[in-house]
Full PDB file with SEQRES, HELIX, SHEET, SSBOND, CRYST1, ORIGX, SCALE, CONECT and MASTER records, all heavy atoms in Angstrom:
SEQRES   1 A   40  PRO SER VAL MET GLU HIS ASN THR ILE ASP GLY GLU SER          
SEQRES   2 A   40  LEU ARG ALA TYR ASN VAL PRO PRO ASP PRO LEU LEU TYR          
SEQRES   3 A   40  ALA PHE ARG THR LEU SER PHE GLN LEU GLY LYS SER ARG          
SEQRES   4 A   40  THR                                                          
HELIX    1 AA1 SER A    2  MET A    4  5                                   3    
HELIX    2 AA2 ALA A   16  ASN A   18  5                                   3    
HELIX    3 AA3 ALA A   27  ARG A   29  5                                   3    
CRYST1    1.000    1.000    1.000  90.00  90.00  90.00 P 1           1          
ORIGX1      1.000000  0.000000  0.000000        0.00000                         
ORIGX2      0.000000  1.000000  0.000000        0.00000                         
ORIGX3      0.000000  0.000000  1.000000        0.00000                         
SCALE1      1.000000  0.000000  0.000000        0.00000                         
SCALE2      0.000000  1.000000  0.000000        0.00000                         
SCALE3      0.000000  0.000000  1.000000        0.00000                         
ATOM      1  N   PRO A   1      11.249   9.768  12.571  1.00  0.00           N  
ATOM      2  CA  PRO A   1      11.178   9.865  11.100  1.00  0.00           C  
ATOM      3  C   PRO A   1      11.779   8.670  10.381  1.00  0.00           C  
ATOM      4  O   PRO A   1      11.290   8.272   9.316  1.00  0.00           O  
ATOM      5  CB  PRO A   1      11.972  11.150  10.807  1.00  0.00           C  
ATOM      6  CG  PRO A   1      11.842  11.970  12.051  1.00  0.00           C  
ATOM      7  CD  PRO A   1      11.841  10.975  13.173  1.00  0.00           C  
ATOM      8  N   SER A   2      12.800   8.051  10.941  1.00  0.00           N  
ATOM      9  CA  SER A   2      13.485   6.943  10.262  1.00  0.00           C  
ATOM     10  C   SER A   2      12.579   5.751  10.035  1.00  0.00           C  
ATOM     11  O   SER A   2      12.722   5.045   9.027  1.00  0.00           O  
ATOM     12  CB  SER A   2      14.712   6.504  11.072  1.00  0.00           C  
ATOM     13  OG  SER A   2      14.331   6.069  12.374  1.00  0.00           O  
ATOM     14  N   VAL A   3      11.622   5.506  10.923  1.00  0.00           N  
ATOM     15  CA  VAL A   3      10.772   4.314  10.779  1.00  0.00           C  
ATOM     16  C   VAL A   3       9.690   4.527   9.728  1.00  0.00           C  
ATOM     17  O   VAL A   3       9.043   3.566   9.294  1.00  0.00           O  
ATOM     18  CB  VAL A   3      10.122   3.889  12.119  1.00  0.00           C  
ATOM     19  CG1 VAL A   3      11.162   3.660  13.185  1.00  0.00           C  
ATOM     20  CG2 VAL A   3       9.081   4.892  12.588  1.00  0.00           C  
ATOM     21  N   MET A   4       9.484   5.786   9.311  1.00  0.00           N  
ATOM     22  CA  MET A   4       8.459   6.075   8.309  1.00  0.00           C  
ATOM     23  C   MET A   4       9.025   6.134   6.892  1.00  0.00           C  
ATOM     24  O   MET A   4       8.284   6.353   5.935  1.00  0.00           O  
ATOM     25  CB  MET A   4       7.746   7.388   8.651  1.00  0.00           C  
ATOM     26  CG  MET A   4       6.958   7.334   9.950  1.00  0.00           C  
ATOM     27  SD  MET A   4       6.049   8.869  10.304  1.00  0.00           S  
ATOM     28  CE  MET A   4       7.359   9.885  10.994  1.00  0.00           C  
ATOM     29  N   GLU A   5      10.332   5.945   6.764  1.00  0.00           N  
ATOM     30  CA  GLU A   5      10.942   5.964   5.436  1.00  0.00           C  
ATOM     31  C   GLU A   5      10.473   4.767   4.623  1.00  0.00           C  
ATOM     32  O   GLU A   5      10.336   3.659   5.140  1.00  0.00           O  
ATOM     33  CB  GLU A   5      12.467   5.953   5.566  1.00  0.00           C  
ATOM     34  CG  GLU A   5      13.024   7.225   6.194  1.00  0.00           C  
ATOM     35  CD  GLU A   5      14.529   7.139   6.407  1.00  0.00           C  
ATOM     36  OE1 GLU A   5      15.112   6.065   6.097  1.00  0.00           O  
ATOM     37  OE2 GLU A   5      15.115   8.112   6.898  1.00  0.00           O  
ATOM     38  N   HIS A   6      10.242   4.994   3.339  1.00  0.00           N  
ATOM     39  CA  HIS A   6       9.693   3.937   2.472  1.00  0.00           C  
ATOM     40  C   HIS A   6      10.833   3.127   1.853  1.00  0.00           C  
ATOM     41  O   HIS A   6      11.172   3.273   0.675  1.00  0.00           O  
ATOM     42  CB  HIS A   6       8.810   4.551   1.385  1.00  0.00           C  
ATOM     43  CG  HIS A   6       7.849   3.564   0.797  1.00  0.00           C  
ATOM     44  ND1 HIS A   6       6.757   3.938   0.061  1.00  0.00           N  
ATOM     45  CD2 HIS A   6       7.795   2.204   0.842  1.00  0.00           C  
ATOM     46  CE1 HIS A   6       6.085   2.862  -0.328  1.00  0.00           C  
ATOM     47  NE2 HIS A   6       6.714   1.813   0.119  1.00  0.00           N  
ATOM     48  N   ASN A   7      11.423   2.254   2.665  1.00  0.00           N  
ATOM     49  CA  ASN A   7      12.471   1.355   2.190  1.00  0.00           C  
ATOM     50  C   ASN A   7      11.878  -0.028   1.961  1.00  0.00           C  
ATOM     51  O   ASN A   7      11.027  -0.481   2.725  1.00  0.00           O  
ATOM     52  CB  ASN A   7      13.603   1.267   3.214  1.00  0.00           C  
ATOM     53  CG  ASN A   7      14.225   2.620   3.495  1.00  0.00           C  
ATOM     54  OD1 ASN A   7      14.467   3.389   2.569  1.00  0.00           O  
ATOM     55  ND2 ASN A   7      14.478   2.929   4.759  1.00  0.00           N  
ATOM     56  N   THR A   8      12.334  -0.709   0.921  1.00  0.00           N  
ATOM     57  CA  THR A   8      11.822  -2.046   0.622  1.00  0.00           C  
ATOM     58  C   THR A   8      12.989  -3.015   0.450  1.00  0.00           C  
ATOM     59  O   THR A   8      14.127  -2.603   0.207  1.00  0.00           O  
ATOM     60  CB  THR A   8      10.974  -2.071  -0.661  1.00  0.00           C  
ATOM     61  OG1 THR A   8      11.840  -1.869  -1.789  1.00  0.00           O  
ATOM     62  CG2 THR A   8       9.918  -0.980  -0.646  1.00  0.00           C  
ATOM     63  N   ILE A   9      12.702  -4.327   0.557  1.00  0.00           N  
ATOM     64  CA  ILE A   9      13.744  -5.330   0.351  1.00  0.00           C  
ATOM     65  C   ILE A   9      13.721  -5.873  -1.070  1.00  0.00           C  
ATOM     66  O   ILE A   9      14.602  -6.645  -1.454  1.00  0.00           O  
ATOM     67  CB  ILE A   9      13.609  -6.501   1.354  1.00  0.00           C  
ATOM     68  CG1 ILE A   9      12.298  -7.272   1.136  1.00  0.00           C  
ATOM     69  CG2 ILE A   9      13.714  -6.007   2.774  1.00  0.00           C  
ATOM     70  CD1 ILE A   9      12.192  -8.535   1.981  1.00  0.00           C  
ATOM     71  N   ASP A  10      12.700  -5.455  -1.846  1.00  0.00           N  
ATOM     72  CA  ASP A  10      12.583  -5.990  -3.206  1.00  0.00           C  
ATOM     73  C   ASP A  10      12.343  -4.925  -4.266  1.00  0.00           C  
ATOM     74  O   ASP A  10      12.129  -5.239  -5.438  1.00  0.00           O  
ATOM     75  CB  ASP A  10      11.458  -7.030  -3.264  1.00  0.00           C  
ATOM     76  CG  ASP A  10      10.106  -6.471  -2.814  1.00  0.00           C  
ATOM     77  OD1 ASP A  10      10.023  -5.250  -2.550  1.00  0.00           O  
ATOM     78  OD2 ASP A  10       9.143  -7.243  -2.720  1.00  0.00           O  
ATOM     79  N   GLY A  11      12.354  -3.654  -3.867  1.00  0.00           N  
ATOM     80  CA  GLY A  11      12.160  -2.575  -4.828  1.00  0.00           C  
ATOM     81  C   GLY A  11      10.727  -2.357  -5.271  1.00  0.00           C  
ATOM     82  O   GLY A  11      10.455  -1.478  -6.095  1.00  0.00           O  
ATOM     83  N   GLU A  12       9.777  -3.100  -4.698  1.00  0.00           N  
ATOM     84  CA  GLU A  12       8.368  -2.999  -5.115  1.00  0.00           C  
ATOM     85  C   GLU A  12       7.640  -1.989  -4.228  1.00  0.00           C  
ATOM     86  O   GLU A  12       6.823  -2.341  -3.383  1.00  0.00           O  
ATOM     87  CB  GLU A  12       7.698  -4.375  -5.021  1.00  0.00           C  
ATOM     88  CG  GLU A  12       8.285  -5.416  -5.958  1.00  0.00           C  
ATOM     89  CD  GLU A  12       7.832  -5.220  -7.399  1.00  0.00           C  
ATOM     90  OE1 GLU A  12       6.971  -4.361  -7.646  1.00  0.00           O  
ATOM     91  OE2 GLU A  12       8.341  -5.942  -8.271  1.00  0.00           O  
ATOM     92  N   SER A  13       7.920  -0.722  -4.434  1.00  0.00           N  
ATOM     93  CA  SER A  13       7.381   0.317  -3.547  1.00  0.00           C  
ATOM     94  C   SER A  13       5.881   0.533  -3.703  1.00  0.00           C  
ATOM     95  O   SER A  13       5.239   1.115  -2.819  1.00  0.00           O  
ATOM     96  CB  SER A  13       8.113   1.644  -3.795  1.00  0.00           C  
ATOM     97  OG  SER A  13       7.939   2.064  -5.135  1.00  0.00           O  
ATOM     98  N   LEU A  14       5.294   0.083  -4.818  1.00  0.00           N  
ATOM     99  CA  LEU A  14       3.853   0.266  -5.029  1.00  0.00           C  
ATOM    100  C   LEU A  14       3.017  -0.890  -4.500  1.00  0.00           C  
ATOM    101  O   LEU A  14       1.791  -0.850  -4.584  1.00  0.00           O  
ATOM    102  CB  LEU A  14       3.566   0.455  -6.527  1.00  0.00           C  
ATOM    103  CG  LEU A  14       4.214   1.667  -7.203  1.00  0.00           C  
ATOM    104  CD1 LEU A  14       3.756   1.766  -8.651  1.00  0.00           C  
ATOM    105  CD2 LEU A  14       3.897   2.959  -6.463  1.00  0.00           C  
ATOM    106  N   ARG A  15       3.677  -1.912  -3.960  1.00  0.00           N  
ATOM    107  CA  ARG A  15       2.952  -3.076  -3.449  1.00  0.00           C  
ATOM    108  C   ARG A  15       2.494  -2.839  -2.011  1.00  0.00           C  
ATOM    109  O   ARG A  15       3.233  -2.288  -1.181  1.00  0.00           O  
ATOM    110  CB  ARG A  15       3.820  -4.330  -3.516  1.00  0.00           C  
ATOM    111  CG  ARG A  15       4.306  -4.673  -4.930  1.00  0.00           C  
ATOM    112  CD  ARG A  15       3.152  -5.092  -5.827  1.00  0.00           C  
ATOM    113  NE  ARG A  15       2.570  -6.358  -5.417  1.00  0.00           N  
ATOM    114  CZ  ARG A  15       3.031  -7.548  -5.785  1.00  0.00           C  
ATOM    115  NH1 ARG A  15       4.108  -7.635  -6.593  1.00  0.00           N  
ATOM    116  NH2 ARG A  15       2.452  -8.651  -5.388  1.00  0.00           N  
ATOM    117  N   ALA A  16       1.282  -3.292  -1.698  1.00  0.00           N  
ATOM    118  CA  ALA A  16       0.681  -3.015  -0.391  1.00  0.00           C  
ATOM    119  C   ALA A  16       1.483  -3.607   0.766  1.00  0.00           C  
ATOM    120  O   ALA A  16       1.510  -3.030   1.860  1.00  0.00           O  
ATOM    121  CB  ALA A  16      -0.750  -3.547  -0.368  1.00  0.00           C  
ATOM    122  N   TYR A  17       2.140  -4.742   0.542  1.00  0.00           N  
ATOM    123  CA  TYR A  17       2.868  -5.374   1.643  1.00  0.00           C  
ATOM    124  C   TYR A  17       4.107  -4.573   2.054  1.00  0.00           C  
ATOM    125  O   TYR A  17       4.702  -4.829   3.106  1.00  0.00           O  
ATOM    126  CB  TYR A  17       3.252  -6.815   1.294  1.00  0.00           C  
ATOM    127  CG  TYR A  17       4.188  -6.982   0.099  1.00  0.00           C  
ATOM    128  CD1 TYR A  17       5.554  -6.767   0.229  1.00  0.00           C  
ATOM    129  CD2 TYR A  17       3.703  -7.364  -1.142  1.00  0.00           C  
ATOM    130  CE1 TYR A  17       6.406  -6.919  -0.846  1.00  0.00           C  
ATOM    131  CE2 TYR A  17       4.548  -7.524  -2.233  1.00  0.00           C  
ATOM    132  CZ  TYR A  17       5.899  -7.297  -2.086  1.00  0.00           C  
ATOM    133  OH  TYR A  17       6.738  -7.451  -3.158  1.00  0.00           O  
ATOM    134  N   ASN A  18       4.499  -3.576   1.237  1.00  0.00           N  
ATOM    135  CA  ASN A  18       5.676  -2.761   1.543  1.00  0.00           C  
ATOM    136  C   ASN A  18       5.342  -1.402   2.138  1.00  0.00           C  
ATOM    137  O   ASN A  18       6.243  -0.567   2.300  1.00  0.00           O  
ATOM    138  CB  ASN A  18       6.511  -2.567   0.279  1.00  0.00           C  
ATOM    139  CG  ASN A  18       7.482  -3.706   0.037  1.00  0.00           C  
ATOM    140  OD1 ASN A  18       8.012  -4.293   0.982  1.00  0.00           O  
ATOM    141  ND2 ASN A  18       7.713  -4.041  -1.220  1.00  0.00           N  
ATOM    142  N   VAL A  19       4.097  -1.135   2.468  1.00  0.00           N  
ATOM    143  CA  VAL A  19       3.719   0.166   3.033  1.00  0.00           C  
ATOM    144  C   VAL A  19       4.483   0.389   4.342  1.00  0.00           C  
ATOM    145  O   VAL A  19       4.517  -0.487   5.211  1.00  0.00           O  
ATOM    146  CB  VAL A  19       2.199   0.232   3.298  1.00  0.00           C  
ATOM    147  CG1 VAL A  19       1.836   1.482   4.088  1.00  0.00           C  
ATOM    148  CG2 VAL A  19       1.437   0.217   1.982  1.00  0.00           C  
ATOM    149  N   PRO A  20       5.102   1.566   4.501  1.00  0.00           N  
ATOM    150  CA  PRO A  20       5.850   1.835   5.733  1.00  0.00           C  
ATOM    151  C   PRO A  20       4.927   2.241   6.877  1.00  0.00           C  
ATOM    152  O   PRO A  20       3.775   2.650   6.643  1.00  0.00           O  
ATOM    153  CB  PRO A  20       6.764   2.995   5.341  1.00  0.00           C  
ATOM    154  CG  PRO A  20       5.977   3.730   4.301  1.00  0.00           C  
ATOM    155  CD  PRO A  20       5.225   2.672   3.536  1.00  0.00           C  
ATOM    156  N   PRO A  21       5.399   2.170   8.117  1.00  0.00           N  
ATOM    157  CA  PRO A  21       4.596   2.599   9.272  1.00  0.00           C  
ATOM    158  C   PRO A  21       4.254   4.083   9.198  1.00  0.00           C  
ATOM    159  O   PRO A  21       4.971   4.877   8.587  1.00  0.00           O  
ATOM    160  CB  PRO A  21       5.513   2.303  10.466  1.00  0.00           C  
ATOM    161  CG  PRO A  21       6.437   1.232   9.988  1.00  0.00           C  
ATOM    162  CD  PRO A  21       6.678   1.547   8.539  1.00  0.00           C  
ATOM    163  N   ASP A  22       3.143   4.431   9.855  1.00  0.00           N  
ATOM    164  CA  ASP A  22       2.659   5.809   9.857  1.00  0.00           C  
ATOM    165  C   ASP A  22       1.748   5.967  11.077  1.00  0.00           C  
ATOM    166  O   ASP A  22       0.791   5.207  11.231  1.00  0.00           O  
ATOM    167  CB  ASP A  22       1.882   6.079   8.565  1.00  0.00           C  
ATOM    168  CG  ASP A  22       1.335   7.499   8.459  1.00  0.00           C  
ATOM    169  OD1 ASP A  22       1.409   8.249   9.448  1.00  0.00           O  
ATOM    170  OD2 ASP A  22       0.807   7.856   7.383  1.00  0.00           O  
ATOM    171  N   PRO A  23       2.026   6.921  11.971  1.00  0.00           N  
ATOM    172  CA  PRO A  23       1.154   7.124  13.138  1.00  0.00           C  
ATOM    173  C   PRO A  23      -0.281   7.452  12.753  1.00  0.00           C  
ATOM    174  O   PRO A  23      -1.200   7.291  13.557  1.00  0.00           O  
ATOM    175  CB  PRO A  23       1.807   8.301  13.872  1.00  0.00           C  
ATOM    176  CG  PRO A  23       3.213   8.321  13.396  1.00  0.00           C  
ATOM    177  CD  PRO A  23       3.175   7.834  11.976  1.00  0.00           C  
ATOM    178  N   LEU A  24      -0.472   7.941  11.503  1.00  0.00           N  
ATOM    179  CA  LEU A  24      -1.808   8.257  10.989  1.00  0.00           C  
ATOM    180  C   LEU A  24      -2.096   7.417   9.746  1.00  0.00           C  
ATOM    181  O   LEU A  24      -2.627   7.904   8.742  1.00  0.00           O  
ATOM    182  CB  LEU A  24      -1.915   9.751  10.668  1.00  0.00           C  
ATOM    183  CG  LEU A  24      -2.006  10.679  11.891  1.00  0.00           C  
ATOM    184  CD1 LEU A  24      -1.782  12.130  11.496  1.00  0.00           C  
ATOM    185  CD2 LEU A  24      -3.348  10.515  12.602  1.00  0.00           C  
ATOM    186  N   LEU A  25      -1.759   6.148   9.821  1.00  0.00           N  
ATOM    187  CA  LEU A  25      -1.981   5.244   8.696  1.00  0.00           C  
ATOM    188  C   LEU A  25      -3.480   5.122   8.418  1.00  0.00           C  
ATOM    189  O   LEU A  25      -4.255   4.770   9.298  1.00  0.00           O  
ATOM    190  CB  LEU A  25      -1.409   3.868   9.024  1.00  0.00           C  
ATOM    191  CG  LEU A  25      -1.516   2.809   7.926  1.00  0.00           C  
ATOM    192  CD1 LEU A  25      -0.574   3.128   6.772  1.00  0.00           C  
ATOM    193  CD2 LEU A  25      -1.205   1.423   8.499  1.00  0.00           C  
ATOM    194  N   TYR A  26      -3.878   5.399   7.193  1.00  0.00           N  
ATOM    195  CA  TYR A  26      -5.292   5.258   6.811  1.00  0.00           C  
ATOM    196  C   TYR A  26      -5.430   4.197   5.735  1.00  0.00           C  
ATOM    197  O   TYR A  26      -4.798   4.277   4.675  1.00  0.00           O  
ATOM    198  CB  TYR A  26      -5.852   6.594   6.312  1.00  0.00           C  
ATOM    199  CG  TYR A  26      -7.281   6.489   5.809  1.00  0.00           C  
ATOM    200  CD1 TYR A  26      -8.275   5.914   6.604  1.00  0.00           C  
ATOM    201  CD2 TYR A  26      -7.643   6.948   4.540  1.00  0.00           C  
ATOM    202  CE1 TYR A  26      -9.575   5.802   6.146  1.00  0.00           C  
ATOM    203  CE2 TYR A  26      -8.946   6.842   4.082  1.00  0.00           C  
ATOM    204  CZ  TYR A  26      -9.916   6.256   4.891  1.00  0.00           C  
ATOM    205  OH  TYR A  26     -11.209   6.127   4.434  1.00  0.00           O  
ATOM    206  N   ALA A  27      -6.253   3.193   5.996  1.00  0.00           N  
ATOM    207  CA  ALA A  27      -6.590   2.146   5.030  1.00  0.00           C  
ATOM    208  C   ALA A  27      -5.331   1.539   4.403  1.00  0.00           C  
ATOM    209  O   ALA A  27      -5.320   1.209   3.218  1.00  0.00           O  
ATOM    210  CB  ALA A  27      -7.521   2.685   3.953  1.00  0.00           C  
ATOM    211  N   PHE A  28      -4.307   1.387   5.233  1.00  0.00           N  
ATOM    212  CA  PHE A  28      -3.032   0.796   4.779  1.00  0.00           C  
ATOM    213  C   PHE A  28      -2.436   1.570   3.601  1.00  0.00           C  
ATOM    214  O   PHE A  28      -1.617   1.050   2.871  1.00  0.00           O  
ATOM    215  CB  PHE A  28      -3.214  -0.684   4.415  1.00  0.00           C  
ATOM    216  CG  PHE A  28      -3.986  -1.462   5.443  1.00  0.00           C  
ATOM    217  CD1 PHE A  28      -5.195  -2.065   5.108  1.00  0.00           C  
ATOM    218  CD2 PHE A  28      -3.528  -1.566   6.734  1.00  0.00           C  
ATOM    219  CE1 PHE A  28      -5.924  -2.766   6.063  1.00  0.00           C  
ATOM    220  CE2 PHE A  28      -4.254  -2.262   7.696  1.00  0.00           C  
ATOM    221  CZ  PHE A  28      -5.452  -2.861   7.367  1.00  0.00           C  
ATOM    222  N   ARG A  29      -2.884   2.809   3.436  1.00  0.00           N  
ATOM    223  CA  ARG A  29      -2.435   3.693   2.341  1.00  0.00           C  
ATOM    224  C   ARG A  29      -2.524   2.993   0.991  1.00  0.00           C  
ATOM    225  O   ARG A  29      -1.727   3.225   0.084  1.00  0.00           O  
ATOM    226  CB  ARG A  29      -1.000   4.165   2.591  1.00  0.00           C  
ATOM    227  CG  ARG A  29      -0.790   5.610   2.119  1.00  0.00           C  
ATOM    228  CD  ARG A  29       0.590   6.087   2.423  1.00  0.00           C  
ATOM    229  NE  ARG A  29       1.463   6.018   1.264  1.00  0.00           N  
ATOM    230  CZ  ARG A  29       2.782   6.088   1.313  1.00  0.00           C  
ATOM    231  NH1 ARG A  29       3.373   6.197   2.480  1.00  0.00           N  
ATOM    232  NH2 ARG A  29       3.497   6.040   0.220  1.00  0.00           N  
ATOM    233  N   THR A  30      -3.525   2.151   0.857  1.00  0.00           N  
ATOM    234  CA  THR A  30      -3.657   1.318  -0.339  1.00  0.00           C  
ATOM    235  C   THR A  30      -4.998   1.535  -1.014  1.00  0.00           C  
ATOM    236  O   THR A  30      -6.051   1.419  -0.371  1.00  0.00           O  
ATOM    237  CB  THR A  30      -3.504  -0.171   0.029  1.00  0.00           C  
ATOM    238  OG1 THR A  30      -2.216  -0.381   0.618  1.00  0.00           O  
ATOM    239  CG2 THR A  30      -3.655  -1.058  -1.190  1.00  0.00           C  
ATOM    240  N   LEU A  31      -4.964   1.852  -2.300  1.00  0.00           N  
ATOM    241  CA  LEU A  31      -6.182   1.898  -3.094  1.00  0.00           C  
ATOM    242  C   LEU A  31      -6.491   0.497  -3.578  1.00  0.00           C  
ATOM    243  O   LEU A  31      -5.645  -0.149  -4.207  1.00  0.00           O  
ATOM    244  CB  LEU A  31      -6.001   2.818  -4.304  1.00  0.00           C  
ATOM    245  CG  LEU A  31      -6.400   4.286  -4.152  1.00  0.00           C  
ATOM    246  CD1 LEU A  31      -6.044   5.044  -5.424  1.00  0.00           C  
ATOM    247  CD2 LEU A  31      -7.878   4.432  -3.831  1.00  0.00           C  
ATOM    248  N   SER A  32      -7.684   0.011  -3.301  1.00  0.00           N  
ATOM    249  CA  SER A  32      -8.080  -1.330  -3.720  1.00  0.00           C  
ATOM    250  C   SER A  32      -9.218  -1.224  -4.726  1.00  0.00           C  
ATOM    251  O   SER A  32     -10.337  -0.818  -4.384  1.00  0.00           O  
ATOM    252  CB  SER A  32      -8.526  -2.164  -2.510  1.00  0.00           C  
ATOM    253  OG  SER A  32      -8.865  -3.473  -2.904  1.00  0.00           O  
ATOM    254  N   PHE A  33      -8.909  -1.555  -5.984  1.00  0.00           N  
ATOM    255  CA  PHE A  33      -9.912  -1.514  -7.054  1.00  0.00           C  
ATOM    256  C   PHE A  33     -10.510  -2.909  -7.241  1.00  0.00           C  
ATOM    257  O   PHE A  33      -9.780  -3.903  -7.310  1.00  0.00           O  
ATOM    258  CB  PHE A  33      -9.278  -1.064  -8.370  1.00  0.00           C  
ATOM    259  CG  PHE A  33      -8.810   0.362  -8.351  1.00  0.00           C  
ATOM    260  CD1 PHE A  33      -7.502   0.669  -8.008  1.00  0.00           C  
ATOM    261  CD2 PHE A  33      -9.668   1.399  -8.693  1.00  0.00           C  
ATOM    262  CE1 PHE A  33      -7.057   1.980  -7.998  1.00  0.00           C  
ATOM    263  CE2 PHE A  33      -9.237   2.714  -8.679  1.00  0.00           C  
ATOM    264  CZ  PHE A  33      -7.924   3.009  -8.325  1.00  0.00           C  
ATOM    265  N   GLN A  34     -11.839  -2.970  -7.300  1.00  0.00           N  
ATOM    266  CA  GLN A  34     -12.530  -4.234  -7.553  1.00  0.00           C  
ATOM    267  C   GLN A  34     -12.949  -4.260  -9.022  1.00  0.00           C  
ATOM    268  O   GLN A  34     -13.708  -3.396  -9.473  1.00  0.00           O  
ATOM    269  CB  GLN A  34     -13.759  -4.386  -6.647  1.00  0.00           C  
ATOM    270  CG  GLN A  34     -13.437  -4.439  -5.152  1.00  0.00           C  
ATOM    271  CD  GLN A  34     -13.237  -3.083  -4.515  1.00  0.00           C  
ATOM    272  OE1 GLN A  34     -14.029  -2.170  -4.705  1.00  0.00           O  
ATOM    273  NE2 GLN A  34     -12.149  -2.927  -3.770  1.00  0.00           N  
ATOM    274  N   LEU A  35     -12.436  -5.247  -9.764  1.00  0.00           N  
ATOM    275  CA  LEU A  35     -12.707  -5.364 -11.193  1.00  0.00           C  
ATOM    276  C   LEU A  35     -13.477  -6.640 -11.463  1.00  0.00           C  
ATOM    277  O   LEU A  35     -13.200  -7.686 -10.881  1.00  0.00           O  
ATOM    278  CB  LEU A  35     -11.397  -5.399 -11.988  1.00  0.00           C  
ATOM    279  CG  LEU A  35     -10.309  -4.388 -11.631  1.00  0.00           C  
ATOM    280  CD1 LEU A  35      -9.058  -4.654 -12.449  1.00  0.00           C  
ATOM    281  CD2 LEU A  35     -10.799  -2.970 -11.857  1.00  0.00           C  
ATOM    282  N   GLY A  36     -14.449  -6.567 -12.384  1.00  0.00           N  
ATOM    283  CA  GLY A  36     -15.188  -7.768 -12.746  1.00  0.00           C  
ATOM    284  C   GLY A  36     -16.117  -7.525 -13.926  1.00  0.00           C  
ATOM    285  O   GLY A  36     -16.531  -6.380 -14.179  1.00  0.00           O  
ATOM    286  N   LYS A  37     -16.412  -8.586 -14.642  1.00  0.00           N  
ATOM    287  CA  LYS A  37     -17.345  -8.488 -15.773  1.00  0.00           C  
ATOM    288  C   LYS A  37     -18.740  -8.185 -15.243  1.00  0.00           C  
ATOM    289  O   LYS A  37     -19.210  -8.777 -14.284  1.00  0.00           O  
ATOM    290  CB  LYS A  37     -17.362  -9.808 -16.557  1.00  0.00           C  
ATOM    291  CG  LYS A  37     -18.280  -9.795 -17.777  1.00  0.00           C  
ATOM    292  CD  LYS A  37     -18.239 -11.139 -18.497  1.00  0.00           C  
ATOM    293  CE  LYS A  37     -19.176 -11.132 -19.712  1.00  0.00           C  
ATOM    294  NZ  LYS A  37     -20.587 -10.943 -19.353  1.00  0.00           N  
ATOM    295  N   SER A  38     -19.393  -7.234 -15.875  1.00  0.00           N  
ATOM    296  CA  SER A  38     -20.736  -6.851 -15.461  1.00  0.00           C  
ATOM    297  C   SER A  38     -21.705  -8.026 -15.630  1.00  0.00           C  
ATOM    298  O   SER A  38     -21.599  -8.805 -16.574  1.00  0.00           O  
ATOM    299  CB  SER A  38     -21.229  -5.660 -16.284  1.00  0.00           C  
ATOM    300  OG  SER A  38     -22.581  -5.379 -15.986  1.00  0.00           O  
ATOM    301  N   ARG A  39     -22.634  -8.133 -14.717  1.00  0.00           N  
ATOM    302  CA  ARG A  39     -23.637  -9.205 -14.800  1.00  0.00           C  
ATOM    303  C   ARG A  39     -24.718  -8.903 -15.837  1.00  0.00           C  
ATOM    304  O   ARG A  39     -25.414  -9.807 -16.286  1.00  0.00           O  
ATOM    305  CB  ARG A  39     -24.300  -9.397 -13.433  1.00  0.00           C  
ATOM    306  CG  ARG A  39     -23.354  -9.917 -12.355  1.00  0.00           C  
ATOM    307  CD  ARG A  39     -24.092 -10.109 -11.042  1.00  0.00           C  
ATOM    308  NE  ARG A  39     -23.212 -10.612 -10.004  1.00  0.00           N  
ATOM    309  CZ  ARG A  39     -23.620 -10.865  -8.755  1.00  0.00           C  
ATOM    310  NH1 ARG A  39     -24.899 -10.635  -8.417  1.00  0.00           N  
ATOM    311  NH2 ARG A  39     -22.769 -11.327  -7.860  1.00  0.00           N  
ATOM    312  N   THR A  40     -24.851  -7.639 -16.202  1.00  0.00           N  
ATOM    313  CA  THR A  40     -25.953  -7.258 -17.086  1.00  0.00           C  
ATOM    314  C   THR A  40     -25.527  -6.916 -18.502  1.00  0.00           C  
ATOM    315  O   THR A  40     -26.366  -6.802 -19.394  1.00  0.00           O  
ATOM    316  CB  THR A  40     -26.700  -6.051 -16.494  1.00  0.00           C  
ATOM    317  OG1 THR A  40     -25.769  -4.972 -16.331  1.00  0.00           O  
ATOM    318  CG2 THR A  40     -27.306  -6.403 -15.141  1.00  0.00           C  
TER     319      THR A  40                                                      
MASTER        0    0    0    3    0    0    0    6  318    1    0    4          
END                                                                             
């Protein structure tokens, strides 16, 4: 359990690079939104 605790060195717990280990890690537990101006 200790290795799955969400501890960070910079307090940025919502940043993808700080995701803690997980034996059932899915998609780095990260939602990735793609934003862009519509072509039409």
